[in-house]
Amino acid sequence: MSSSREYLEFVLEQLSGLEDISYRAMMGEYILYYRGRIFGGIYDNRFLVKPVQAAMDLMPDADMETPYTGAKEMLLVDDIENKEFLRELVEAMYDELPERKQFS
């Protein structure tokens, strides 16, 4: 199952309190970036983020889910209606996210 464009637009609206959010479509799903670093994605209309320590601290009871077969587990974001929480979550994660790989 692929994610809908409508769900992507909803998540992007919920993240509108952050500057420099971008995304890339990939095989029917969406990879999400904050200031050039991947922090999560939308998979089967689920908003998942990388399980970095800051995210685990802010969502200690979050379910771990696999975005697709063979992938590493990620944290399911349940509190998607709370824009302030989402801003805090993504900002807290930033320093723990790997920098974007540069290809030559």
PDB file of N, CA and C in Angstrom:
ATOM      1  N   MET A   1       0.841  -1.183   0.000  1.00  0.00           N
ATOM      2  CA  MET A   1       0.000   0.000   0.000  1.00  0.00           C
ATOM      3  C   MET A   1       0.886   1.245   0.000  1.00  0.00           C
ATOM      4  N   SER A   2       0.506   2.228  -0.756  1.00  0.00           N
ATOM      5  CA  SER A   2       1.232   3.491  -0.814  1.00  0.00           C
ATOM      6  C   SER A   2       0.557   4.525   0.071  1.00  0.00           C
ATOM      7  N   SER A   3       1.300   5.569   0.377  1.00  0.00           N
ATOM      8  CA  SER A   3       0.738   6.681   1.140  1.00  0.00           C
ATOM      9  C   SER A   3       0.040   7.649   0.197  1.00  0.00           C
ATOM     10  N   SER A   4      -1.001   8.266   0.692  1.00  0.00           N
ATOM     11  CA  SER A   4      -1.751   9.209  -0.133  1.00  0.00           C
ATOM     12  C   SER A   4      -1.116  10.599  -0.099  1.00  0.00           C
ATOM     13  N   ARG A   5      -1.293  11.309  -1.170  1.00  0.00           N
ATOM     14  CA  ARG A   5      -0.824  12.694  -1.249  1.00  0.00           C
ATOM     15  C   ARG A   5      -1.547  13.545  -0.189  1.00  0.00           C
ATOM     16  N   GLU A   6      -2.812  13.221   0.077  1.00  0.00           N
ATOM     17  CA  GLU A   6      -3.584  13.953   1.078  1.00  0.00           C
ATOM     18  C   GLU A   6      -2.969  13.802   2.466  1.00  0.00           C
ATOM     19  N   TYR A   7      -2.519  12.594   2.813  1.00  0.00           N
ATOM     20  CA  TYR A   7      -1.895  12.400   4.127  1.00  0.00           C
ATOM     21  C   TYR A   7      -0.572  13.155   4.194  1.00  0.00           C
ATOM     22  N   LEU A   8       0.194  13.137   3.118  1.00  0.00           N
ATOM     23  CA  LEU A   8       1.429  13.920   3.066  1.00  0.00           C
ATOM     24  C   LEU A   8       1.124  15.394   3.335  1.00  0.00           C
ATOM     25  N   GLU A   9       0.136  15.947   2.647  1.00  0.00           N
ATOM     26  CA  GLU A   9      -0.219  17.355   2.825  1.00  0.00           C
ATOM     27  C   GLU A   9      -0.644  17.635   4.263  1.00  0.00           C
ATOM     28  N   PHE A  10      -1.384  16.712   4.872  1.00  0.00           N
ATOM     29  CA  PHE A  10      -1.791  16.862   6.267  1.00  0.00           C
ATOM     30  C   PHE A  10      -0.578  16.922   7.187  1.00  0.00           C
ATOM     31  N   VAL A  11       0.354  15.990   7.025  1.00  0.00           N
ATOM     32  CA  VAL A  11       1.558  15.964   7.867  1.00  0.00           C
ATOM     33  C   VAL A  11       2.385  17.238   7.649  1.00  0.00           C
ATOM     34  N   LEU A  12       2.535  17.653   6.413  1.00  0.00           N
ATOM     35  CA  LEU A  12       3.296  18.880   6.140  1.00  0.00           C
ATOM     36  C   LEU A  12       2.631  20.092   6.794  1.00  0.00           C
ATOM     37  N   GLU A  13       1.323  20.143   6.801  1.00  0.00           N
ATOM     38  CA  GLU A  13       0.612  21.233   7.481  1.00  0.00           C
ATOM     39  C   GLU A  13       0.878  21.179   8.984  1.00  0.00           C
ATOM     40  N   GLN A  14       0.884  19.973   9.545  1.00  0.00           N
ATOM     41  CA  GLN A  14       1.153  19.825  10.976  1.00  0.00           C
ATOM     42  C   GLN A  14       2.585  20.234  11.322  1.00  0.00           C
ATOM     43  N   LEU A  15       3.498  20.122  10.353  1.00  0.00           N
ATOM     44  CA  LEU A  15       4.898  20.497  10.559  1.00  0.00           C
ATOM     45  C   LEU A  15       5.180  21.935  10.127  1.00  0.00           C
ATOM     46  N   SER A  16       4.146  22.685   9.809  1.00  0.00           N
ATOM     47  CA  SER A  16       4.329  24.033   9.253  1.00  0.00           C
ATOM     48  C   SER A  16       4.969  25.017  10.233  1.00  0.00           C
ATOM     49  N   GLY A  17       5.068  24.672  11.505  1.00  0.00           N
ATOM     50  CA  GLY A  17       5.747  25.526  12.473  1.00  0.00           C
ATOM     51  C   GLY A  17       7.262  25.467  12.351  1.00  0.00           C
ATOM     52  N   LEU A  18       7.760  24.599  11.513  1.00  0.00           N
ATOM     53  CA  LEU A  18       9.203  24.436  11.291  1.00  0.00           C
ATOM     54  C   LEU A  18       9.579  25.003   9.932  1.00  0.00           C
ATOM     55  N   GLU A  19      10.700  25.665   9.877  1.00  0.00           N
ATOM     56  CA  GLU A  19      11.212  26.121   8.593  1.00  0.00           C
ATOM     57  C   GLU A  19      12.080  25.031   7.990  1.00  0.00           C
ATOM     58  N   ASP A  20      12.160  25.009   6.682  1.00  0.00           N
ATOM     59  CA  ASP A  20      13.045  24.108   5.947  1.00  0.00           C
ATOM     60  C   ASP A  20      12.677  22.632   6.086  1.00  0.00           C
ATOM     61  N   ILE A  21      11.384  22.349   6.037  1.00  0.00           N
ATOM     62  CA  ILE A  21      10.910  20.964   5.925  1.00  0.00           C
ATOM     63  C   ILE A  21      10.770  20.670   4.437  1.00  0.00           C
ATOM     64  N   SER A  22      11.280  19.538   4.015  1.00  0.00           N
ATOM     65  CA  SER A  22      11.129  19.133   2.624  1.00  0.00           C
ATOM     66  C   SER A  22      10.852  17.635   2.589  1.00  0.00           C
ATOM     67  N   TYR A  23      10.525  17.154   1.412  1.00  0.00           N
ATOM     68  CA  TYR A  23      10.246  15.729   1.269  1.00  0.00           C
ATOM     69  C   TYR A  23      10.673  15.271  -0.109  1.00  0.00           C
ATOM     70  N   ARG A  24      10.787  13.959  -0.227  1.00  0.00           N
ATOM     71  CA  ARG A  24      11.086  13.346  -1.508  1.00  0.00           C
ATOM     72  C   ARG A  24      10.211  12.105  -1.639  1.00  0.00           C
ATOM     73  N   ALA A  25       9.529  11.999  -2.754  1.00  0.00           N
ATOM     74  CA  ALA A  25       8.708  10.814  -3.017  1.00  0.00           C
ATOM     75  C   ALA A  25       9.623   9.659  -3.391  1.00  0.00           C
ATOM     76  N   MET A  26       9.324   8.478  -2.839  1.00  0.00           N
ATOM     77  CA  MET A  26      10.132   7.309  -3.142  1.00  0.00           C
ATOM     78  C   MET A  26       9.252   6.064  -3.085  1.00  0.00           C
ATOM     79  N   MET A  27       9.011   5.479  -4.236  1.00  0.00           N
ATOM     80  CA  MET A  27       8.254   4.231  -4.357  1.00  0.00           C
ATOM     81  C   MET A  27       6.905   4.293  -3.640  1.00  0.00           C
ATOM     82  N   GLY A  28       6.174   5.370  -3.825  1.00  0.00           N
ATOM     83  CA  GLY A  28       4.847   5.498  -3.246  1.00  0.00           C
ATOM     84  C   GLY A  28       4.820   5.976  -1.814  1.00  0.00           C
ATOM     85  N   GLU A  29       5.982   6.242  -1.251  1.00  0.00           N
ATOM     86  CA  GLU A  29       6.081   6.739   0.119  1.00  0.00           C
ATOM     87  C   GLU A  29       6.819   8.075   0.084  1.00  0.00           C
ATOM     88  N   TYR A  30       7.012   8.696   1.254  1.00  0.00           N
ATOM     89  CA  TYR A  30       7.643  10.012   1.305  1.00  0.00           C
ATOM     90  C   TYR A  30       8.702  10.056   2.406  1.00  0.00           C
ATOM     91  N   ILE A  31       9.901  10.471   2.046  1.00  0.00           N
ATOM     92  CA  ILE A  31      10.996  10.670   2.988  1.00  0.00           C
ATOM     93  C   ILE A  31      10.935  12.135   3.417  1.00  0.00           C
ATOM     94  N   LEU A  32      11.010  12.399   4.718  1.00  0.00           N
ATOM     95  CA  LEU A  32      10.918  13.755   5.240  1.00  0.00           C
ATOM     96  C   LEU A  32      12.282  14.250   5.717  1.00  0.00           C
ATOM     97  N   TYR A  33      12.578  15.505   5.413  1.00  0.00           N
ATOM     98  CA  TYR A  33      13.847  16.138   5.768  1.00  0.00           C
ATOM     99  C   TYR A  33      13.592  17.383   6.592  1.00  0.00           C
ATOM    100  N   TYR A  34      14.465  17.624   7.551  1.00  0.00           N
ATOM    101  CA  TYR A  34      14.479  18.878   8.293  1.00  0.00           C
ATOM    102  C   TYR A  34      15.881  19.460   8.159  1.00  0.00           C
ATOM    103  N   ARG A  35      15.948  20.636   7.583  1.00  0.00           N
ATOM    104  CA  ARG A  35      17.235  21.311   7.349  1.00  0.00           C
ATOM    105  C   ARG A  35      18.229  20.358   6.672  1.00  0.00           C
ATOM    106  N   GLY A  36      17.737  19.601   5.703  1.00  0.00           N
ATOM    107  CA  GLY A  36      18.581  18.747   4.892  1.00  0.00           C
ATOM    108  C   GLY A  36      18.887  17.375   5.467  1.00  0.00           C
ATOM    109  N   ARG A  37      18.379  17.069   6.654  1.00  0.00           N
ATOM    110  CA  ARG A  37      18.636  15.767   7.272  1.00  0.00           C
ATOM    111  C   ARG A  37      17.348  14.955   7.356  1.00  0.00           C
ATOM    112  N   ILE A  38      17.449  13.679   7.035  1.00  0.00           N
ATOM    113  CA  ILE A  38      16.275  12.801   7.114  1.00  0.00           C
ATOM    114  C   ILE A  38      15.922  12.577   8.581  1.00  0.00           C
ATOM    115  N   PHE A  39      14.665  12.860   8.915  1.00  0.00           N
ATOM    116  CA  PHE A  39      14.213  12.602  10.283  1.00  0.00           C
ATOM    117  C   PHE A  39      13.094  11.572  10.338  1.00  0.00           C
ATOM    118  N   GLY A  40      12.487  11.277   9.206  1.00  0.00           N
ATOM    119  CA  GLY A  40      11.407  10.306   9.208  1.00  0.00           C
ATOM    120  C   GLY A  40      10.777  10.186   7.841  1.00  0.00           C
ATOM    121  N   GLY A  41       9.548   9.700   7.852  1.00  0.00           N
ATOM    122  CA  GLY A  41       8.858   9.536   6.588  1.00  0.00           C
ATOM    123  C   GLY A  41       7.411   9.150   6.791  1.00  0.00           C
ATOM    124  N   ILE A  42       6.726   9.074   5.682  1.00  0.00           N
ATOM    125  CA  ILE A  42       5.337   8.648   5.670  1.00  0.00           C
ATOM    126  C   ILE A  42       5.295   7.329   4.908  1.00  0.00           C
ATOM    127  N   TYR A  43       4.837   6.299   5.606  1.00  0.00           N
ATOM    128  CA  TYR A  43       4.809   4.948   5.059  1.00  0.00           C
ATOM    129  C   TYR A  43       3.427   4.357   5.319  1.00  0.00           C
ATOM    130  N   ASP A  44       2.730   3.955   4.283  1.00  0.00           N
ATOM    131  CA  ASP A  44       1.383   3.401   4.425  1.00  0.00           C
ATOM    132  C   ASP A  44       0.496   4.316   5.282  1.00  0.00           C
ATOM    133  N   ASN A  45       0.582   5.618   5.011  1.00  0.00           N
ATOM    134  CA  ASN A  45      -0.179   6.629   5.746  1.00  0.00           C
ATOM    135  C   ASN A  45       0.072   6.580   7.252  1.00  0.00           C
ATOM    136  N   ARG A  46       1.309   6.302   7.606  1.00  0.00           N
ATOM    137  CA  ARG A  46       1.771   6.376   9.000  1.00  0.00           C
ATOM    138  C   ARG A  46       2.951   7.336   9.031  1.00  0.00           C
ATOM    139  N   PHE A  47       2.991   8.202  10.029  1.00  0.00           N
ATOM    140  CA  PHE A  47       4.098   9.131  10.211  1.00  0.00           C
ATOM    141  C   PHE A  47       5.085   8.477  11.171  1.00  0.00           C
ATOM    142  N   LEU A  48       6.261   8.109  10.649  1.00  0.00           N
ATOM    143  CA  LEU A  48       7.292   7.441  11.429  1.00  0.00           C
ATOM    144  C   LEU A  48       8.538   8.310  11.482  1.00  0.00           C
ATOM    145  N   VAL A  49       9.235   8.276  12.630  1.00  0.00           N
ATOM    146  CA  VAL A  49      10.488   9.025  12.767  1.00  0.00           C
ATOM    147  C   VAL A  49      11.601   8.083  13.209  1.00  0.00           C
ATOM    148  N   LYS A  50      12.824   8.529  12.957  1.00  0.00           N
ATOM    149  CA  LYS A  50      13.988   7.732  13.352  1.00  0.00           C
ATOM    150  C   LYS A  50      14.024   7.593  14.871  1.00  0.00           C
ATOM    151  N   PRO A  51      14.438   6.437  15.365  1.00  0.00           N
ATOM    152  CA  PRO A  51      14.452   6.211  16.812  1.00  0.00           C
ATOM    153  C   PRO A  51      15.720   6.750  17.487  1.00  0.00           C
ATOM    154  N   VAL A  52      15.974   8.035  17.324  1.00  0.00           N
ATOM    155  CA  VAL A  52      17.102   8.657  18.014  1.00  0.00           C
ATOM    156  C   VAL A  52      16.701   8.901  19.464  1.00  0.00           C
ATOM    157  N   GLN A  53      17.682   9.105  20.334  1.00  0.00           N
ATOM    158  CA  GLN A  53      17.406   9.218  21.767  1.00  0.00           C
ATOM    159  C   GLN A  53      16.409  10.323  22.094  1.00  0.00           C
ATOM    160  N   ALA A  54      16.529  11.468  21.449  1.00  0.00           N
ATOM    161  CA  ALA A  54      15.613  12.590  21.732  1.00  0.00           C
ATOM    162  C   ALA A  54      14.165  12.192  21.441  1.00  0.00           C
ATOM    163  N   ALA A  55      13.937  11.498  20.349  1.00  0.00           N
ATOM    164  CA  ALA A  55      12.583  11.060  20.001  1.00  0.00           C
ATOM    165  C   ALA A  55      12.079  10.029  21.005  1.00  0.00           C
ATOM    166  N   MET A  56      12.946   9.110  21.408  1.00  0.00           N
ATOM    167  CA  MET A  56      12.537   8.094  22.376  1.00  0.00           C
ATOM    168  C   MET A  56      12.244   8.729  23.733  1.00  0.00           C
ATOM    169  N   ASP A  57      12.993   9.777  24.092  1.00  0.00           N
ATOM    170  CA  ASP A  57      12.743  10.476  25.353  1.00  0.00           C
ATOM    171  C   ASP A  57      11.395  11.196  25.331  1.00  0.00           C
ATOM    172  N   LEU A  58      11.052  11.800  24.189  1.00  0.00           N
ATOM    173  CA  LEU A  58       9.794  12.544  24.077  1.00  0.00           C
ATOM    174  C   LEU A  58       8.585  11.638  23.854  1.00  0.00           C
ATOM    175  N   MET A  59       8.825  10.434  23.347  1.00  0.00           N
ATOM    176  CA  MET A  59       7.730   9.481  23.091  1.00  0.00           C
ATOM    177  C   MET A  59       8.095   8.111  23.670  1.00  0.00           C
ATOM    178  N   PRO A  60       8.236   8.019  24.994  1.00  0.00           N
ATOM    179  CA  PRO A  60       8.709   6.760  25.589  1.00  0.00           C
ATOM    180  C   PRO A  60       7.786   5.568  25.368  1.00  0.00           C
ATOM    181  N   ASP A  61       6.513   5.821  25.106  1.00  0.00           N
ATOM    182  CA  ASP A  61       5.559   4.726  24.919  1.00  0.00           C
ATOM    183  C   ASP A  61       5.199   4.489  23.454  1.00  0.00           C
ATOM    184  N   ALA A  62       5.932   5.122  22.545  1.00  0.00           N
ATOM    185  CA  ALA A  62       5.626   4.996  21.113  1.00  0.00           C
ATOM    186  C   ALA A  62       5.867   3.566  20.633  1.00  0.00           C
ATOM    187  N   ASP A  63       5.018   3.146  19.729  1.00  0.00           N
ATOM    188  CA  ASP A  63       5.187   1.835  19.100  1.00  0.00           C
ATOM    189  C   ASP A  63       6.331   1.902  18.090  1.00  0.00           C
ATOM    190  N   MET A  64       7.086   0.816  18.024  1.00  0.00           N
ATOM    191  CA  MET A  64       8.115   0.674  16.999  1.00  0.00           C
ATOM    192  C   MET A  64       7.478  -0.084  15.847  1.00  0.00           C
ATOM    193  N   GLU A  65       7.597   0.480  14.645  1.00  0.00           N
ATOM    194  CA  GLU A  65       6.998  -0.156  13.476  1.00  0.00           C
ATOM    195  C   GLU A  65       7.992  -0.163  12.326  1.00  0.00           C
ATOM    196  N   THR A  66       7.854  -1.146  11.476  1.00  0.00           N
ATOM    197  CA  THR A  66       8.704  -1.265  10.304  1.00  0.00           C
ATOM    198  C   THR A  66       8.052  -0.513   9.148  1.00  0.00           C
ATOM    199  N   PRO A  67       8.769   0.430   8.537  1.00  0.00           N
ATOM    200  CA  PRO A  67       8.169   1.186   7.437  1.00  0.00           C
ATOM    201  C   PRO A  67       7.867   0.321   6.214  1.00  0.00           C
ATOM    202  N   TYR A  68       8.716  -0.667   5.951  1.00  0.00           N
ATOM    203  CA  TYR A  68       8.526  -1.582   4.830  1.00  0.00           C
ATOM    204  C   TYR A  68       9.372  -2.814   5.113  1.00  0.00           C
ATOM    205  N   THR A  69       9.109  -3.881   4.431  1.00  0.00           N
ATOM    206  CA  THR A  69       9.795  -5.150   4.656  1.00  0.00           C
ATOM    207  C   THR A  69      11.305  -4.981   4.529  1.00  0.00           C
ATOM    208  N   GLY A  70      12.014  -5.434   5.537  1.00  0.00           N
ATOM    209  CA  GLY A  70      13.472  -5.396   5.522  1.00  0.00           C
ATOM    210  C   GLY A  70      14.077  -4.124   6.086  1.00  0.00           C
ATOM    211  N   ALA A  71      13.258  -3.151   6.440  1.00  0.00           N
ATOM    212  CA  ALA A  71      13.764  -1.877   6.970  1.00  0.00           C
ATOM    213  C   ALA A  71      13.918  -1.944   8.483  1.00  0.00           C
ATOM    214  N   LYS A  72      14.722  -1.028   9.016  1.00  0.00           N
ATOM    215  CA  LYS A  72      14.862  -0.896  10.464  1.00  0.00           C
ATOM    216  C   LYS A  72      13.583  -0.289  11.025  1.00  0.00           C
ATOM    217  N   GLU A  73      13.274  -0.675  12.258  1.00  0.00           N
ATOM    218  CA  GLU A  73      12.080  -0.138  12.900  1.00  0.00           C
ATOM    219  C   GLU A  73      12.226   1.351  13.177  1.00  0.00           C
ATOM    220  N   MET A  74      11.082   2.028  13.155  1.00  0.00           N
ATOM    221  CA  MET A  74      11.024   3.456  13.437  1.00  0.00           C
ATOM    222  C   MET A  74       9.919   3.689  14.461  1.00  0.00           C
ATOM    223  N   LEU A  75       9.881   4.883  15.026  1.00  0.00           N
ATOM    224  CA  LEU A  75       8.867   5.237  16.013  1.00  0.00           C
ATOM    225  C   LEU A  75       7.613   5.781  15.329  1.00  0.00           C
ATOM    226  N   LEU A  76       6.462   5.269  15.716  1.00  0.00           N
ATOM    227  CA  LEU A  76       5.192   5.763  15.202  1.00  0.00           C
ATOM    228  C   LEU A  76       4.801   7.009  15.991  1.00  0.00           C
ATOM    229  N   VAL A  77       4.511   8.091  15.284  1.00  0.00           N
ATOM    230  CA  VAL A  77       4.084   9.329  15.927  1.00  0.00           C
ATOM    231  C   VAL A  77       2.560   9.290  16.033  1.00  0.00           C
ATOM    232  N   ASP A  78       2.070   9.184  17.259  1.00  0.00           N
ATOM    233  CA  ASP A  78       0.625   9.149  17.506  1.00  0.00           C
ATOM    234  C   ASP A  78       0.029  10.543  17.660  1.00  0.00           C
ATOM    235  N   ASP A  79       0.780  11.455  18.267  1.00  0.00           N
ATOM    236  CA  ASP A  79       0.263  12.786  18.600  1.00  0.00           C
ATOM    237  C   ASP A  79       0.387  13.728  17.408  1.00  0.00           C
ATOM    238  N   ILE A  80      -0.135  13.307  16.286  1.00  0.00           N
ATOM    239  CA  ILE A  80       0.017  14.045  15.028  1.00  0.00           C
ATOM    240  C   ILE A  80      -0.814  15.328  15.003  1.00  0.00           C
ATOM    241  N   GLU A  81      -1.800  15.447  15.865  1.00  0.00           N
ATOM    242  CA  GLU A  81      -2.650  16.637  15.897  1.00  0.00           C
ATOM    243  C   GLU A  81      -1.980  17.804  16.621  1.00  0.00           C
ATOM    244  N   ASN A  82      -0.943  17.549  17.389  1.00  0.00           N
ATOM    245  CA  ASN A  82      -0.310  18.555  18.235  1.00  0.00           C
ATOM    246  C   ASN A  82       0.885  19.191  17.518  1.00  0.00           C
ATOM    247  N   LYS A  83       0.653  20.320  16.859  1.00  0.00           N
ATOM    248  CA  LYS A  83       1.709  20.984  16.085  1.00  0.00           C
ATOM    249  C   LYS A  83       2.899  21.390  16.952  1.00  0.00           C
ATOM    250  N   GLU A  84       2.631  21.879  18.152  1.00  0.00           N
ATOM    251  CA  GLU A  84       3.713  22.315  19.040  1.00  0.00           C
ATOM    252  C   GLU A  84       4.593  21.128  19.429  1.00  0.00           C
ATOM    253  N   PHE A  85       3.985  19.993  19.736  1.00  0.00           N
ATOM    254  CA  PHE A  85       4.756  18.799  20.061  1.00  0.00           C
ATOM    255  C   PHE A  85       5.606  18.364  18.871  1.00  0.00           C
ATOM    256  N   LEU A  86       5.032  18.379  17.684  1.00  0.00           N
ATOM    257  CA  LEU A  86       5.782  17.971  16.492  1.00  0.00           C
ATOM    258  C   LEU A  86       6.977  18.883  16.246  1.00  0.00           C
ATOM    259  N   ARG A  87       6.789  20.182  16.445  1.00  0.00           N
ATOM    260  CA  ARG A  87       7.905  21.121  16.285  1.00  0.00           C
ATOM    261  C   ARG A  87       9.006  20.791  17.288  1.00  0.00           C
ATOM    262  N   GLU A  88       8.609  20.596  18.539  1.00  0.00           N
ATOM    263  CA  GLU A  88       9.572  20.260  19.588  1.00  0.00           C
ATOM    264  C   GLU A  88      10.292  18.944  19.285  1.00  0.00           C
ATOM    265  N   LEU A  89       9.551  17.953  18.827  1.00  0.00           N
ATOM    266  CA  LEU A  89      10.112  16.636  18.514  1.00  0.00           C
ATOM    267  C   LEU A  89      11.182  16.737  17.429  1.00  0.00           C
ATOM    268  N   VAL A  90      10.842  17.345  16.314  1.00  0.00           N
ATOM    269  CA  VAL A  90      11.769  17.406  15.180  1.00  0.00           C
ATOM    270  C   VAL A  90      12.990  18.252  15.528  1.00  0.00           C
ATOM    271  N   GLU A  91      12.784  19.374  16.201  1.00  0.00           N
ATOM    272  CA  GLU A  91      13.928  20.207  16.602  1.00  0.00           C
ATOM    273  C   GLU A  91      14.841  19.450  17.563  1.00  0.00           C
ATOM    274  N   ALA A  92      14.265  18.709  18.501  1.00  0.00           N
ATOM    275  CA  ALA A  92      15.072  17.947  19.469  1.00  0.00           C
ATOM    276  C   ALA A  92      15.879  16.852  18.779  1.00  0.00           C
ATOM    277  N   MET A  93      15.347  16.288  17.718  1.00  0.00           N
ATOM    278  CA  MET A  93      16.016  15.202  17.010  1.00  0.00           C
ATOM    279  C   MET A  93      17.195  15.683  16.166  1.00  0.00           C
ATOM    280  N   TYR A  94      17.168  16.919  15.725  1.00  0.00           N
ATOM    281  CA  TYR A  94      18.074  17.400  14.686  1.00  0.00           C
ATOM    282  C   TYR A  94      19.550  17.083  14.939  1.00  0.00           C
ATOM    283  N   ASP A  95      20.069  17.379  16.114  1.00  0.00           N
ATOM    284  CA  ASP A  95      21.500  17.180  16.369  1.00  0.00           C
ATOM    285  C   ASP A  95      21.924  15.722  16.317  1.00  0.00           C
ATOM    286  N   GLU A  96      20.983  14.812  16.482  1.00  0.00           N
ATOM    287  CA  GLU A  96      21.303  13.379  16.449  1.00  0.00           C
ATOM    288  C   GLU A  96      21.166  12.766  15.061  1.00  0.00           C
ATOM    289  N   LEU A  97      20.672  13.524  14.127  1.00  0.00           N
ATOM    290  CA  LEU A  97      20.460  12.998  12.767  1.00  0.00           C
ATOM    291  C   LEU A  97      21.741  13.095  11.952  1.00  0.00           C
ATOM    292  N   PRO A  98      22.028  12.066  11.173  1.00  0.00           N
ATOM    293  CA  PRO A  98      23.232  12.131  10.334  1.00  0.00           C
ATOM    294  C   PRO A  98      23.084  13.191   9.247  1.00  0.00           C
ATOM    295  N   GLU A  99      24.204  13.799   8.898  1.00  0.00           N
ATOM    296  CA  GLU A  99      24.194  14.775   7.811  1.00  0.00           C
ATOM    297  C   GLU A  99      23.939  14.065   6.503  1.00  0.00           C
ATOM    298  N   ARG A 100      23.365  14.778   5.574  1.00  0.00           N
ATOM    299  CA  ARG A 100      23.055  14.222   4.265  1.00  0.00           C
ATOM    300  C   ARG A 100      24.349  13.819   3.559  1.00  0.00           C
ATOM    301  N   LYS A 101      24.335  12.640   2.981  1.00  0.00           N
ATOM    302  CA  LYS A 101      25.505  12.147   2.262  1.00  0.00           C
ATOM    303  C   LYS A 101      25.675  12.923   0.971  1.00  0.00           C
ATOM    304  N   GLN A 102      26.875  13.301   0.710  1.00  0.00           N
ATOM    305  CA  GLN A 102      27.182  14.011  -0.542  1.00  0.00           C
ATOM    306  C   GLN A 102      27.729  13.008  -1.549  1.00  0.00           C
ATOM    307  N   PHE A 103      27.113  12.958  -2.712  1.00  0.00           N
ATOM    308  CA  PHE A 103      27.564  12.050  -3.757  1.00  0.00           C
ATOM    309  C   PHE A 103      28.318  12.862  -4.799  1.00  0.00           C
ATOM    310  N   SER A 104      29.398  12.293  -5.290  1.00  0.00           N
ATOM    311  CA  SER A 104      30.176  13.025  -6.288  1.00  0.00           C
ATOM    312  C   SER A 104      29.799  12.610  -7.688  1.00  0.00           C
TER     313      SER A 104
END
